[in-house]
Amino acid sequence: QVQLVEAGGGLVHPGGFLGPSCAASGIIFRMYVMGWYRQVPGKQHELVATITSCGSTNIAGSVKGRFTISRDNDKNTVYLQMNTLKPEDTAVYYCNADRYNIYTPGESWGQGTQVTVSS
């Protein structure tokens, strides 16, 4: 059974930073594309960033240059470093695992972590 557990969201002022993480179990982590998606009320999940098993990344244009995704295959953990946060980055951020796809999410989701950017 796949389990994805996010941690590290919170409330931050505009221009601040956060670094949520996602610990995975129940999968052969190193073989999966891991991703971060975000969702605001009334909208579908939006891709933020994905990273392949070999470390290639796909970053959404809205966060490119501010957000970085990375993974540690020894710790079965994926990270999202979010810098220069803006109010429009406010959302619930979800971890996702998919066997192959870097552009659309797989069926395995974490419970989400709230990120709020506000002064």
PDB file of N, CA and C in Angstrom:
ATOM      1  N   GLN A   1       0.844  -1.188   0.000  1.00  0.00           N
ATOM      2  CA  GLN A   1       0.000   0.000   0.000  1.00  0.00           C
ATOM      3  C   GLN A   1       0.883   1.244   0.000  1.00  0.00           C
ATOM      4  N   VAL A   2       0.635   2.118  -0.976  1.00  0.00           N
ATOM      5  CA  VAL A   2       1.423   3.337  -1.102  1.00  0.00           C
ATOM      6  C   VAL A   2       1.011   4.325  -0.018  1.00  0.00           C
ATOM      7  N   GLN A   3       2.012   4.904   0.622  1.00  0.00           N
ATOM      8  CA  GLN A   3       1.746   5.952   1.596  1.00  0.00           C
ATOM      9  C   GLN A   3       2.707   7.103   1.342  1.00  0.00           C
ATOM     10  N   LEU A   4       2.134   8.305   1.212  1.00  0.00           N
ATOM     11  CA  LEU A   4       2.915   9.525   1.009  1.00  0.00           C
ATOM     12  C   LEU A   4       2.541  10.487   2.118  1.00  0.00           C
ATOM     13  N   VAL A   5       3.530  10.948   2.857  1.00  0.00           N
ATOM     14  CA  VAL A   5       3.272  11.804   4.010  1.00  0.00           C
ATOM     15  C   VAL A   5       4.056  13.100   3.856  1.00  0.00           C
ATOM     16  N   GLU A   6       3.308  14.206   3.686  1.00  0.00           N
ATOM     17  CA  GLU A   6       3.928  15.514   3.541  1.00  0.00           C
ATOM     18  C   GLU A   6       4.112  16.178   4.898  1.00  0.00           C
ATOM     19  N   ALA A   7       5.104  17.037   4.958  1.00  0.00           N
ATOM     20  CA  ALA A   7       5.346  17.844   6.141  1.00  0.00           C
ATOM     21  C   ALA A   7       6.036  19.127   5.704  1.00  0.00           C
ATOM     22  N   GLY A   8       5.872  20.193   6.514  1.00  0.00           N
ATOM     23  CA  GLY A   8       6.658  21.386   6.260  1.00  0.00           C
ATOM     24  C   GLY A   8       5.937  22.546   5.627  1.00  0.00           C
ATOM     25  N   GLY A   9       4.609  22.485   5.549  1.00  0.00           N
ATOM     26  CA  GLY A   9       3.881  23.662   5.099  1.00  0.00           C
ATOM     27  C   GLY A   9       3.805  24.689   6.217  1.00  0.00           C
ATOM     28  N   GLY A  10       3.010  25.747   5.984  1.00  0.00           N
ATOM     29  CA  GLY A  10       2.858  26.741   7.037  1.00  0.00           C
ATOM     30  C   GLY A  10       2.467  28.093   6.506  1.00  0.00           C
ATOM     31  N   LEU A  11       2.566  29.084   7.390  1.00  0.00           N
ATOM     32  CA  LEU A  11       2.235  30.474   7.062  1.00  0.00           C
ATOM     33  C   LEU A  11       3.534  31.261   6.929  1.00  0.00           C
ATOM     34  N   VAL A  12       3.651  32.008   5.848  1.00  0.00           N
ATOM     35  CA  VAL A  12       4.865  32.770   5.603  1.00  0.00           C
ATOM     36  C   VAL A  12       4.497  34.091   4.950  1.00  0.00           C
ATOM     37  N   HIS A  13       5.320  35.113   5.189  1.00  0.00           N
ATOM     38  CA  HIS A  13       5.106  36.408   4.547  1.00  0.00           C
ATOM     39  C   HIS A  13       5.560  36.367   3.102  1.00  0.00           C
ATOM     40  N   PRO A  14       5.003  37.247   2.283  1.00  0.00           N
ATOM     41  CA  PRO A  14       5.498  37.347   0.894  1.00  0.00           C
ATOM     42  C   PRO A  14       7.006  37.584   0.869  1.00  0.00           C
ATOM     43  N   GLY A  15       7.670  36.886  -0.040  1.00  0.00           N
ATOM     44  CA  GLY A  15       9.117  36.960  -0.121  1.00  0.00           C
ATOM     45  C   GLY A  15       9.822  35.940   0.723  1.00  0.00           C
ATOM     46  N   GLY A  16       9.086  35.229   1.561  1.00  0.00           N
ATOM     47  CA  GLY A  16       9.672  34.229   2.436  1.00  0.00           C
ATOM     48  C   GLY A  16       9.892  32.901   1.733  1.00  0.00           C
ATOM     49  N   PHE A  17      10.251  31.874   2.529  1.00  0.00           N
ATOM     50  CA  PHE A  17      10.550  30.574   1.955  1.00  0.00           C
ATOM     51  C   PHE A  17      10.026  29.465   2.860  1.00  0.00           C
ATOM     52  N   LEU A  18       9.786  28.321   2.230  1.00  0.00           N
ATOM     53  CA  LEU A  18       9.399  27.095   2.920  1.00  0.00           C
ATOM     54  C   LEU A  18      10.024  25.915   2.192  1.00  0.00           C
ATOM     55  N   GLY A  19      10.183  24.790   2.910  1.00  0.00           N
ATOM     56  CA  GLY A  19      10.774  23.617   2.285  1.00  0.00           C
ATOM     57  C   GLY A  19      10.072  22.338   2.673  1.00  0.00           C
ATOM     58  N   PRO A  20       8.843  22.121   2.184  1.00  0.00           N
ATOM     59  CA  PRO A  20       8.150  20.894   2.545  1.00  0.00           C
ATOM     60  C   PRO A  20       8.838  19.642   2.011  1.00  0.00           C
ATOM     61  N   SER A  21       8.566  18.536   2.670  1.00  0.00           N
ATOM     62  CA  SER A  21       9.107  17.245   2.274  1.00  0.00           C
ATOM     63  C   SER A  21       7.984  16.222   2.215  1.00  0.00           C
ATOM     64  N   CYS A  22       8.263  15.121   1.555  1.00  0.00           N
ATOM     65  CA  CYS A  22       7.291  14.033   1.419  1.00  0.00           C
ATOM     66  C   CYS A  22       8.024  12.720   1.546  1.00  0.00           C
ATOM     67  N   ALA A  23       7.643  11.938   2.545  1.00  0.00           N
ATOM     68  CA  ALA A  23       8.239  10.621   2.765  1.00  0.00           C
ATOM     69  C   ALA A  23       7.332   9.554   2.174  1.00  0.00           C
ATOM     70  N   ALA A  24       7.904   8.666   1.393  1.00  0.00           N
ATOM     71  CA  ALA A  24       7.129   7.634   0.703  1.00  0.00           C
ATOM     72  C   ALA A  24       7.425   6.258   1.263  1.00  0.00           C
ATOM     73  N   SER A  25       6.419   5.416   1.253  1.00  0.00           N
ATOM     74  CA  SER A  25       6.586   4.009   1.613  1.00  0.00           C
ATOM     75  C   SER A  25       5.620   3.177   0.774  1.00  0.00           C
ATOM     76  N   GLY A  26       5.902   1.883   0.688  1.00  0.00           N
ATOM     77  CA  GLY A  26       5.021   1.003  -0.067  1.00  0.00           C
ATOM     78  C   GLY A  26       5.303   0.969  -1.553  1.00  0.00           C
ATOM     79  N   ILE A  27       6.355   1.674  -1.994  1.00  0.00           N
ATOM     80  CA  ILE A  27       6.759   1.649  -3.398  1.00  0.00           C
ATOM     81  C   ILE A  27       8.281   1.502  -3.466  1.00  0.00           C
ATOM     82  N   ILE A  28       8.767   1.071  -4.627  1.00  0.00           N
ATOM     83  CA  ILE A  28      10.204   1.094  -4.873  1.00  0.00           C
ATOM     84  C   ILE A  28      10.508   2.519  -5.312  1.00  0.00           C
ATOM     85  N   PHE A  29      10.821   3.349  -4.340  1.00  0.00           N
ATOM     86  CA  PHE A  29      10.858   4.794  -4.521  1.00  0.00           C
ATOM     87  C   PHE A  29      11.718   5.201  -5.704  1.00  0.00           C
ATOM     88  N   ARG A  30      12.876   4.600  -5.833  1.00  0.00           N
ATOM     89  CA  ARG A  30      13.832   5.049  -6.849  1.00  0.00           C
ATOM     90  C   ARG A  30      13.313   4.837  -8.265  1.00  0.00           C
ATOM     91  N   MET A  31      12.256   4.042  -8.415  1.00  0.00           N
ATOM     92  CA  MET A  31      11.727   3.742  -9.743  1.00  0.00           C
ATOM     93  C   MET A  31      10.577   4.672 -10.138  1.00  0.00           C
ATOM     94  N   TYR A  32      10.180   5.562  -9.250  1.00  0.00           N
ATOM     95  CA  TYR A  32       8.998   6.382  -9.480  1.00  0.00           C
ATOM     96  C   TYR A  32       9.331   7.834  -9.808  1.00  0.00           C
ATOM     97  N   VAL A  33       8.499   8.423 -10.663  1.00  0.00           N
ATOM     98  CA  VAL A  33       8.452   9.869 -10.824  1.00  0.00           C
ATOM     99  C   VAL A  33       7.713  10.431  -9.607  1.00  0.00           C
ATOM    100  N   MET A  34       8.358  11.361  -8.943  1.00  0.00           N
ATOM    101  CA  MET A  34       7.731  12.006  -7.788  1.00  0.00           C
ATOM    102  C   MET A  34       7.377  13.441  -8.153  1.00  0.00           C
ATOM    103  N   GLY A  35       6.266  13.906  -7.622  1.00  0.00           N
ATOM    104  CA  GLY A  35       5.843  15.241  -7.987  1.00  0.00           C
ATOM    105  C   GLY A  35       5.155  15.988  -6.865  1.00  0.00           C
ATOM    106  N   TRP A  36       5.119  17.276  -7.032  1.00  0.00           N
ATOM    107  CA  TRP A  36       4.337  18.162  -6.169  1.00  0.00           C
ATOM    108  C   TRP A  36       3.274  18.841  -7.023  1.00  0.00           C
ATOM    109  N   TYR A  37       2.058  18.816  -6.530  1.00  0.00           N
ATOM    110  CA  TYR A  37       0.935  19.496  -7.154  1.00  0.00           C
ATOM    111  C   TYR A  37       0.280  20.373  -6.088  1.00  0.00           C
ATOM    112  N   ARG A  38      -0.430  21.377  -6.530  1.00  0.00           N
ATOM    113  CA  ARG A  38      -1.124  22.229  -5.570  1.00  0.00           C
ATOM    114  C   ARG A  38      -2.568  22.440  -6.014  1.00  0.00           C
ATOM    115  N   GLN A  39      -3.397  22.753  -5.050  1.00  0.00           N
ATOM    116  CA  GLN A  39      -4.821  22.910  -5.326  1.00  0.00           C
ATOM    117  C   GLN A  39      -5.393  24.023  -4.464  1.00  0.00           C
ATOM    118  N   VAL A  40      -6.177  24.869  -5.081  1.00  0.00           N
ATOM    119  CA  VAL A  40      -6.945  25.884  -4.356  1.00  0.00           C
ATOM    120  C   VAL A  40      -8.413  25.513  -4.488  1.00  0.00           C
ATOM    121  N   PRO A  41      -9.242  25.994  -3.580  1.00  0.00           N
ATOM    122  CA  PRO A  41     -10.654  25.608  -3.600  1.00  0.00           C
ATOM    123  C   PRO A  41     -11.311  25.907  -4.940  1.00  0.00           C
ATOM    124  N   GLY A  42     -12.038  24.933  -5.450  1.00  0.00           N
ATOM    125  CA  GLY A  42     -12.779  25.111  -6.683  1.00  0.00           C
ATOM    126  C   GLY A  42     -11.997  24.853  -7.952  1.00  0.00           C
ATOM    127  N   LYS A  43     -10.723  24.511  -7.803  1.00  0.00           N
ATOM    128  CA  LYS A  43      -9.895  24.261  -8.982  1.00  0.00           C
ATOM    129  C   LYS A  43      -9.272  22.881  -8.917  1.00  0.00           C
ATOM    130  N   GLN A  44      -8.825  22.420 -10.072  1.00  0.00           N
ATOM    131  CA  GLN A  44      -8.160  21.121 -10.142  1.00  0.00           C
ATOM    132  C   GLN A  44      -6.709  21.235  -9.649  1.00  0.00           C
ATOM    133  N   HIS A  45      -6.121  20.089  -9.423  1.00  0.00           N
ATOM    134  CA  HIS A  45      -4.706  20.054  -9.075  1.00  0.00           C
ATOM    135  C   HIS A  45      -3.884  20.704 -10.192  1.00  0.00           C
ATOM    136  N   GLU A  46      -2.902  21.500  -9.779  1.00  0.00           N
ATOM    137  CA  GLU A  46      -1.991  22.150 -10.716  1.00  0.00           C
ATOM    138  C   GLU A  46      -0.585  21.598 -10.502  1.00  0.00           C
ATOM    139  N   LEU A  47       0.064  21.196 -11.576  1.00  0.00           N
ATOM    140  CA  LEU A  47       1.427  20.703 -11.463  1.00  0.00           C
ATOM    141  C   LEU A  47       2.339  21.834 -10.992  1.00  0.00           C
ATOM    142  N   VAL A  48       3.182  21.519 -10.013  1.00  0.00           N
ATOM    143  CA  VAL A  48       4.201  22.456  -9.546  1.00  0.00           C
ATOM    144  C   VAL A  48       5.573  22.006 -10.054  1.00  0.00           C
ATOM    145  N   ALA A  49       5.904  20.749  -9.771  1.00  0.00           N
ATOM    146  CA  ALA A  49       7.210  20.225 -10.188  1.00  0.00           C
ATOM    147  C   ALA A  49       7.194  18.714 -10.103  1.00  0.00           C
ATOM    148  N   THR A  50       7.915  18.078 -11.021  1.00  0.00           N
ATOM    149  CA  THR A  50       8.116  16.643 -10.960  1.00  0.00           C
ATOM    150  C   THR A  50       9.593  16.329 -11.144  1.00  0.00           C
ATOM    151  N   ILE A  51       9.990  15.161 -10.666  1.00  0.00           N
ATOM    152  CA  ILE A  51      11.377  14.723 -10.782  1.00  0.00           C
ATOM    153  C   ILE A  51      11.399  13.236 -11.094  1.00  0.00           C
ATOM    154  N   THR A  52      12.172  12.869 -12.094  1.00  0.00           N
ATOM    155  CA  THR A  52      12.249  11.479 -12.505  1.00  0.00           C
ATOM    156  C   THR A  52      13.187  10.693 -11.585  1.00  0.00           C
ATOM    157  N   SER A  53      13.231   9.409 -11.828  1.00  0.00           N
ATOM    158  CA  SER A  53      14.067   8.539 -11.013  1.00  0.00           C
ATOM    159  C   SER A  53      15.544   8.890 -11.131  1.00  0.00           C
ATOM    160  N   CYS A  54      15.934   9.442 -12.268  1.00  0.00           N
ATOM    161  CA  CYS A  54      17.346   9.801 -12.451  1.00  0.00           C
ATOM    162  C   CYS A  54      17.619  11.270 -12.179  1.00  0.00           C
ATOM    163  N   GLY A  55      16.601  12.001 -11.729  1.00  0.00           N
ATOM    164  CA  GLY A  55      16.827  13.368 -11.292  1.00  0.00           C
ATOM    165  C   GLY A  55      16.486  14.461 -12.275  1.00  0.00           C
ATOM    166  N   SER A  56      15.944  14.128 -13.431  1.00  0.00           N
ATOM    167  CA  SER A  56      15.492  15.161 -14.358  1.00  0.00           C
ATOM    168  C   SER A  56      14.240  15.820 -13.818  1.00  0.00           C
ATOM    169  N   THR A  57      14.162  17.131 -13.958  1.00  0.00           N
ATOM    170  CA  THR A  57      13.044  17.862 -13.364  1.00  0.00           C
ATOM    171  C   THR A  57      12.188  18.567 -14.405  1.00  0.00           C
ATOM    172  N   ASN A  58      10.935  18.764 -14.046  1.00  0.00           N
ATOM    173  CA  ASN A  58       9.992  19.531 -14.835  1.00  0.00           C
ATOM    174  C   ASN A  58       9.347  20.532 -13.886  1.00  0.00           C
ATOM    175  N   ILE A  59       9.541  21.814 -14.127  1.00  0.00           N
ATOM    176  CA  ILE A  59       9.075  22.857 -13.221  1.00  0.00           C
ATOM    177  C   ILE A  59       8.043  23.722 -13.936  1.00  0.00           C
ATOM    178  N   ALA A  60       6.938  23.992 -13.287  1.00  0.00           N
ATOM    179  CA  ALA A  60       5.899  24.842 -13.864  1.00  0.00           C
ATOM    180  C   ALA A  60       6.439  26.253 -14.092  1.00  0.00           C
ATOM    181  N   GLY A  61       5.980  26.863 -15.168  1.00  0.00           N
ATOM    182  CA  GLY A  61       6.448  28.199 -15.505  1.00  0.00           C
ATOM    183  C   GLY A  61       6.177  29.230 -14.426  1.00  0.00           C
ATOM    184  N   SER A  62       5.074  29.063 -13.698  1.00  0.00           N
ATOM    185  CA  SER A  62       4.688  30.032 -12.681  1.00  0.00           C
ATOM    186  C   SER A  62       5.624  30.048 -11.476  1.00  0.00           C
ATOM    187  N   VAL A  63       6.406  28.995 -11.310  1.00  0.00           N
ATOM    188  CA  VAL A  63       7.303  28.903 -10.152  1.00  0.00           C
ATOM    189  C   VAL A  63       8.759  28.726 -10.563  1.00  0.00           C
ATOM    190  N   LYS A  64       9.020  28.670 -11.850  1.00  0.00           N
ATOM    191  CA  LYS A  64      10.384  28.441 -12.323  1.00  0.00           C
ATOM    192  C   LYS A  64      11.287  29.592 -11.862  1.00  0.00           C
ATOM    193  N   GLY A  65      12.455  29.233 -11.377  1.00  0.00           N
ATOM    194  CA  GLY A  65      13.375  30.230 -10.835  1.00  0.00           C
ATOM    195  C   GLY A  65      13.163  30.513  -9.363  1.00  0.00           C
ATOM    196  N   ARG A  66      12.036  30.063  -8.812  1.00  0.00           N
ATOM    197  CA  ARG A  66      11.756  30.274  -7.379  1.00  0.00           C
ATOM    198  C   ARG A  66      11.683  28.950  -6.619  1.00  0.00           C
ATOM    199  N   PHE A  67      11.170  27.894  -7.270  1.00  0.00           N
ATOM    200  CA  PHE A  67      10.988  26.603  -6.622  1.00  0.00           C
ATOM    201  C   PHE A  67      11.977  25.589  -7.195  1.00  0.00           C
ATOM    202  N   THR A  68      12.423  24.682  -6.345  1.00  0.00           N
ATOM    203  CA  THR A  68      13.323  23.601  -6.749  1.00  0.00           C
ATOM    204  C   THR A  68      12.818  22.293  -6.161  1.00  0.00           C
ATOM    205  N   ILE A  69      12.807  21.241  -6.972  1.00  0.00           N
ATOM    206  CA  ILE A  69      12.435  19.915  -6.489  1.00  0.00           C
ATOM    207  C   ILE A  69      13.688  19.046  -6.449  1.00  0.00           C
ATOM    208  N   SER A  70      13.770  18.208  -5.427  1.00  0.00           N
ATOM    209  CA  SER A  70      14.897  17.286  -5.313  1.00  0.00           C
ATOM    210  C   SER A  70      14.419  16.018  -4.621  1.00  0.00           C
ATOM    211  N   ARG A  71      15.250  14.992  -4.677  1.00  0.00           N
ATOM    212  CA  ARG A  71      14.879  13.726  -4.047  1.00  0.00           C
ATOM    213  C   ARG A  71      16.107  13.070  -3.437  1.00  0.00           C
ATOM    214  N   ASP A  72      15.847  12.262  -2.423  1.00  0.00           N
ATOM    215  CA  ASP A  72      16.885  11.446  -1.797  1.00  0.00           C
ATOM    216  C   ASP A  72      16.390  10.008  -1.845  1.00  0.00           C
ATOM    217  N   ASN A  73      16.929   9.221  -2.755  1.00  0.00           N
ATOM    218  CA  ASN A  73      16.452   7.855  -2.932  1.00  0.00           C
ATOM    219  C   ASN A  73      16.822   6.949  -1.755  1.00  0.00           C
ATOM    220  N   ASP A  74      17.828   7.319  -0.993  1.00  0.00           N
ATOM    221  CA  ASP A  74      18.188   6.529   0.190  1.00  0.00           C
ATOM    222  C   ASP A  74      17.189   6.744   1.330  1.00  0.00           C
ATOM    223  N   LYS A  75      16.577   7.927   1.350  1.00  0.00           N
ATOM    224  CA  LYS A  75      15.614   8.255   2.405  1.00  0.00           C
ATOM    225  C   LYS A  75      14.171   8.159   1.927  1.00  0.00           C
ATOM    226  N   ASN A  76      13.966   7.770   0.673  1.00  0.00           N
ATOM    227  CA  ASN A  76      12.609   7.679   0.110  1.00  0.00           C
ATOM    228  C   ASN A  76      11.844   8.987   0.309  1.00  0.00           C
ATOM    229  N   THR A  77      12.507  10.093   0.059  1.00  0.00           N
ATOM    230  CA  THR A  77      11.919  11.396   0.342  1.00  0.00           C
ATOM    231  C   THR A  77      12.126  12.342  -0.833  1.00  0.00           C
ATOM    232  N   VAL A  78      11.090  13.132  -1.114  1.00  0.00           N
ATOM    233  CA  VAL A  78      11.163  14.177  -2.129  1.00  0.00           C
ATOM    234  C   VAL A  78      10.939  15.514  -1.435  1.00  0.00           C
ATOM    235  N   TYR A  79      11.641  16.526  -1.909  1.00  0.00           N
ATOM    236  CA  TYR A  79      11.620  17.838  -1.281  1.00  0.00           C
ATOM    237  C   TYR A  79      11.164  18.895  -2.284  1.00  0.00           C
ATOM    238  N   LEU A  80      10.594  19.969  -1.761  1.00  0.00           N
ATOM    239  CA  LEU A  80      10.253  21.130  -2.581  1.00  0.00           C
ATOM    240  C   LEU A  80      10.768  22.369  -1.853  1.00  0.00           C
ATOM    241  N   GLN A  81      11.761  23.003  -2.410  1.00  0.00           N
ATOM    242  CA  GLN A  81      12.266  24.249  -1.850  1.00  0.00           C
ATOM    243  C   GLN A  81      11.560  25.400  -2.538  1.00  0.00           C
ATOM    244  N   MET A  82      10.845  26.191  -1.749  1.00  0.00           N
ATOM    245  CA  MET A  82      10.045  27.289  -2.283  1.00  0.00           C
ATOM    246  C   MET A  82      10.622  28.603  -1.764  1.00  0.00           C
ATOM    247  N   ASN A  83      11.139  29.393  -2.667  1.00  0.00           N
ATOM    248  CA  ASN A  83      11.726  30.686  -2.320  1.00  0.00           C
ATOM    249  C   ASN A  83      10.897  31.816  -2.918  1.00  0.00           C
ATOM    250  N   THR A  84      11.087  33.005  -2.399  1.00  0.00           N
ATOM    251  CA  THR A  84      10.407  34.206  -2.891  1.00  0.00           C
ATOM    252  C   THR A  84       8.917  33.942  -3.078  1.00  0.00           C
ATOM    253  N   LEU A  85       8.299  33.463  -2.034  1.00  0.00           N
ATOM    254  CA  LEU A  85       6.891  33.088  -2.112  1.00  0.00           C
ATOM    255  C   LEU A  85       6.001  34.293  -2.325  1.00  0.00           C
ATOM    256  N   LYS A  86       4.930  34.059  -3.072  1.00  0.00           N
ATOM    257  CA  LYS A  86       3.954  35.090  -3.405  1.00  0.00           C
ATOM    258  C   LYS A  86       2.586  34.694  -2.862  1.00  0.00           C
ATOM    259  N   PRO A  87       1.703  35.650  -2.646  1.00  0.00           N
ATOM    260  CA  PRO A  87       0.354  35.290  -2.183  1.00  0.00           C
ATOM    261  C   PRO A  87      -0.346  34.289  -3.101  1.00  0.00           C
ATOM    262  N   GLU A  88      -0.084  34.357  -4.388  1.00  0.00           N
ATOM    263  CA  GLU A  88      -0.726  33.417  -5.324  1.00  0.00           C
ATOM    264  C   GLU A  88      -0.183  31.993  -5.221  1.00  0.00           C
ATOM    265  N   ASP A  89       0.853  31.792  -4.433  1.00  0.00           N
ATOM    266  CA  ASP A  89       1.341  30.442  -4.162  1.00  0.00           C
ATOM    267  C   ASP A  89       0.534  29.760  -3.054  1.00  0.00           C
ATOM    268  N   THR A  90      -0.358  30.485  -2.430  1.00  0.00           N
ATOM    269  CA  THR A  90      -1.197  29.912  -1.379  1.00  0.00           C
ATOM    270  C   THR A  90      -2.052  28.779  -1.941  1.00  0.00           C
ATOM    271  N   ALA A  91      -1.945  27.608  -1.327  1.00  0.00           N
ATOM    272  CA  ALA A  91      -2.659  26.421  -1.802  1.00  0.00           C
ATOM    273  C   ALA A  91      -2.368  25.268  -0.842  1.00  0.00           C
ATOM    274  N   VAL A  92      -3.070  24.168  -1.040  1.00  0.00           N
ATOM    275  CA  VAL A  92      -2.685  22.914  -0.413  1.00  0.00           C
ATOM    276  C   VAL A  92      -1.737  22.207  -1.384  1.00  0.00           C
ATOM    277  N   TYR A  93      -0.589  21.833  -0.886  1.00  0.00           N
ATOM    278  CA  TYR A  93       0.426  21.182  -1.713  1.00  0.00           C
ATOM    279  C   TYR A  93       0.407  19.683  -1.442  1.00  0.00           C
ATOM    280  N   TYR A  94       0.319  18.924  -2.522  1.00  0.00           N
ATOM    281  CA  TYR A  94       0.208  17.478  -2.446  1.00  0.00           C
ATOM    282  C   TYR A  94       1.405  16.800  -3.095  1.00  0.00           C
ATOM    283  N   CYS A  95       1.851  15.750  -2.468  1.00  0.00           N
ATOM    284  CA  CYS A  95       2.877  14.879  -3.027  1.00  0.00           C
ATOM    285  C   CYS A  95       2.205  13.812  -3.884  1.00  0.00           C
ATOM    286  N   ASN A  96       2.863  13.416  -4.942  1.00  0.00           N
ATOM    287  CA  ASN A  96       2.287  12.429  -5.860  1.00  0.00           C
ATOM    288  C   ASN A  96       3.374  11.493  -6.380  1.00  0.00           C
ATOM    289  N   ALA A  97       2.977  10.273  -6.643  1.00  0.00           N
ATOM    290  CA  ALA A  97       3.903   9.280  -7.189  1.00  0.00           C
ATOM    291  C   ALA A  97       3.292   8.640  -8.428  1.00  0.00           C
ATOM    292  N   ASP A  98       4.092   8.557  -9.471  1.00  0.00           N
ATOM    293  CA  ASP A  98       3.655   7.892 -10.693  1.00  0.00           C
ATOM    294  C   ASP A  98       4.812   7.112 -11.282  1.00  0.00           C
ATOM    295  N   ARG A  99       4.491   6.027 -11.894  1.00  0.00           N
ATOM    296  CA  ARG A  99       5.549   5.141 -12.379  1.00  0.00           C
ATOM    297  C   ARG A  99       6.324   5.780 -13.539  1.00  0.00           C
ATOM    298  N   TYR A 100       5.619   6.595 -14.363  1.00  0.00           N
ATOM    299  CA  TYR A 100       6.284   7.062 -15.582  1.00  0.00           C
ATOM    300  C   TYR A 100       6.072   8.537 -15.904  1.00  0.00           C
ATOM    301  N   ASN A 101       4.903   9.102 -15.543  1.00  0.00           N
ATOM    302  CA  ASN A 101       4.499  10.365 -16.154  1.00  0.00           C
ATOM    303  C   ASN A 101       5.044  11.582 -15.424  1.00  0.00           C
ATOM    304  N   ILE A 102       5.624  12.520 -16.174  1.00  0.00           N
ATOM    305  CA  ILE A 102       6.150  13.730 -15.558  1.00  0.00           C
ATOM    306  C   ILE A 102       5.231  14.935 -15.754  1.00  0.00           C
ATOM    307  N   TYR A 103       4.130  14.749 -16.493  1.00  0.00           N
ATOM    308  CA  TYR A 103       3.256  15.883 -16.783  1.00  0.00           C
ATOM    309  C   TYR A 103       1.879  15.782 -16.143  1.00  0.00           C
ATOM    310  N   THR A 104       1.467  14.589 -15.798  1.00  0.00           N
ATOM    311  CA  THR A 104       0.166  14.402 -15.152  1.00  0.00           C
ATOM    312  C   THR A 104       0.339  13.489 -13.941  1.00  0.00           C
ATOM    313  N   PRO A 105      -0.531  13.663 -12.949  1.00  0.00           N
ATOM    314  CA  PRO A 105      -0.332  12.915 -11.706  1.00  0.00           C
ATOM    315  C   PRO A 105      -0.749  11.461 -11.806  1.00  0.00           C
ATOM    316  N   GLY A 106      -0.141  10.642 -10.948  1.00  0.00           N
ATOM    317  CA  GLY A 106      -0.584   9.267 -10.777  1.00  0.00           C
ATOM    318  C   GLY A 106      -1.697   9.177  -9.760  1.00  0.00           C
ATOM    319  N   GLU A 107      -2.038   7.969  -9.401  1.00  0.00           N
ATOM    320  CA  GLU A 107      -3.179   7.745  -8.514  1.00  0.00           C
ATOM    321  C   GLU A 107      -2.827   7.885  -7.037  1.00  0.00           C
ATOM    322  N   SER A 108      -1.555   7.943  -6.720  1.00  0.00           N
ATOM    323  CA  SER A 108      -1.131   7.940  -5.323  1.00  0.00           C
ATOM    324  C   SER A 108      -0.872   9.372  -4.854  1.00  0.00           C
ATOM    325  N   TRP A 109      -1.613   9.774  -3.828  1.00  0.00           N
ATOM    326  CA  TRP A 109      -1.532  11.131  -3.293  1.00  0.00           C
ATOM    327  C   TRP A 109      -1.247  11.093  -1.786  1.00  0.00           C
ATOM    328  N   GLY A 110      -0.557  12.149  -1.313  1.00  0.00           N
ATOM    329  CA  GLY A 110      -0.461  12.363   0.110  1.00  0.00           C
ATOM    330  C   GLY A 110      -1.694  13.091   0.620  1.00  0.00           C
ATOM    331  N   GLN A 111      -1.681  13.408   1.906  1.00  0.00           N
ATOM    332  CA  GLN A 111      -2.835  14.068   2.517  1.00  0.00           C
ATOM    333  C   GLN A 111      -2.813  15.569   2.293  1.00  0.00           C
ATOM    334  N   GLY A 112      -1.699  16.105   1.860  1.00  0.00           N
ATOM    335  CA  GLY A 112      -1.583  17.527   1.577  1.00  0.00           C
ATOM    336  C   GLY A 112      -1.047  18.318   2.756  1.00  0.00           C
ATOM    337  N   THR A 113      -0.390  19.421   2.443  1.00  0.00           N
ATOM    338  CA  THR A 113       0.091  20.341   3.468  1.00  0.00           C
ATOM    339  C   THR A 113      -0.247  21.761   3.023  1.00  0.00           C
ATOM    340  N   GLN A 114      -0.817  22.534   3.930  1.00  0.00           N
ATOM    341  CA  GLN A 114      -1.280  23.882   3.597  1.00  0.00           C
ATOM    342  C   GLN A 114      -0.104  24.849   3.582  1.00  0.00           C
ATOM    343  N   VAL A 115      -0.021  25.624   2.516  1.00  0.00           N
ATOM    344  CA  VAL A 115       0.942  26.724   2.416  1.00  0.00           C
ATOM    345  C   VAL A 115       0.145  28.012   2.248  1.00  0.00           C
ATOM    346  N   THR A 116       0.361  28.937   3.150  1.00  0.00           N
ATOM    347  CA  THR A 116      -0.330  30.221   3.105  1.00  0.00           C
ATOM    348  C   THR A 116       0.704  31.334   3.069  1.00  0.00           C
ATOM    349  N   VAL A 117       0.603  32.184   2.053  1.00  0.00           N
ATOM    350  CA  VAL A 117       1.519  33.320   1.906  1.00  0.00           C
ATOM    351  C   VAL A 117       0.698  34.587   2.088  1.00  0.00           C
ATOM    352  N   SER A 118       0.957  35.267   3.174  1.00  0.00           N
ATOM    353  CA  SER A 118       0.140  36.436   3.509  1.00  0.00           C
ATOM    354  C   SER A 118       0.923  37.365   4.416  1.00  0.00           C
ATOM    355  N   SER A 119       0.654  38.647   4.259  1.00  0.00           N
ATOM    356  CA  SER A 119       1.274  39.631   5.137  1.00  0.00           C
ATOM    357  C   SER A 119       0.383  39.922   6.343  1.00  0.00           C
TER     358      SER A 119
END
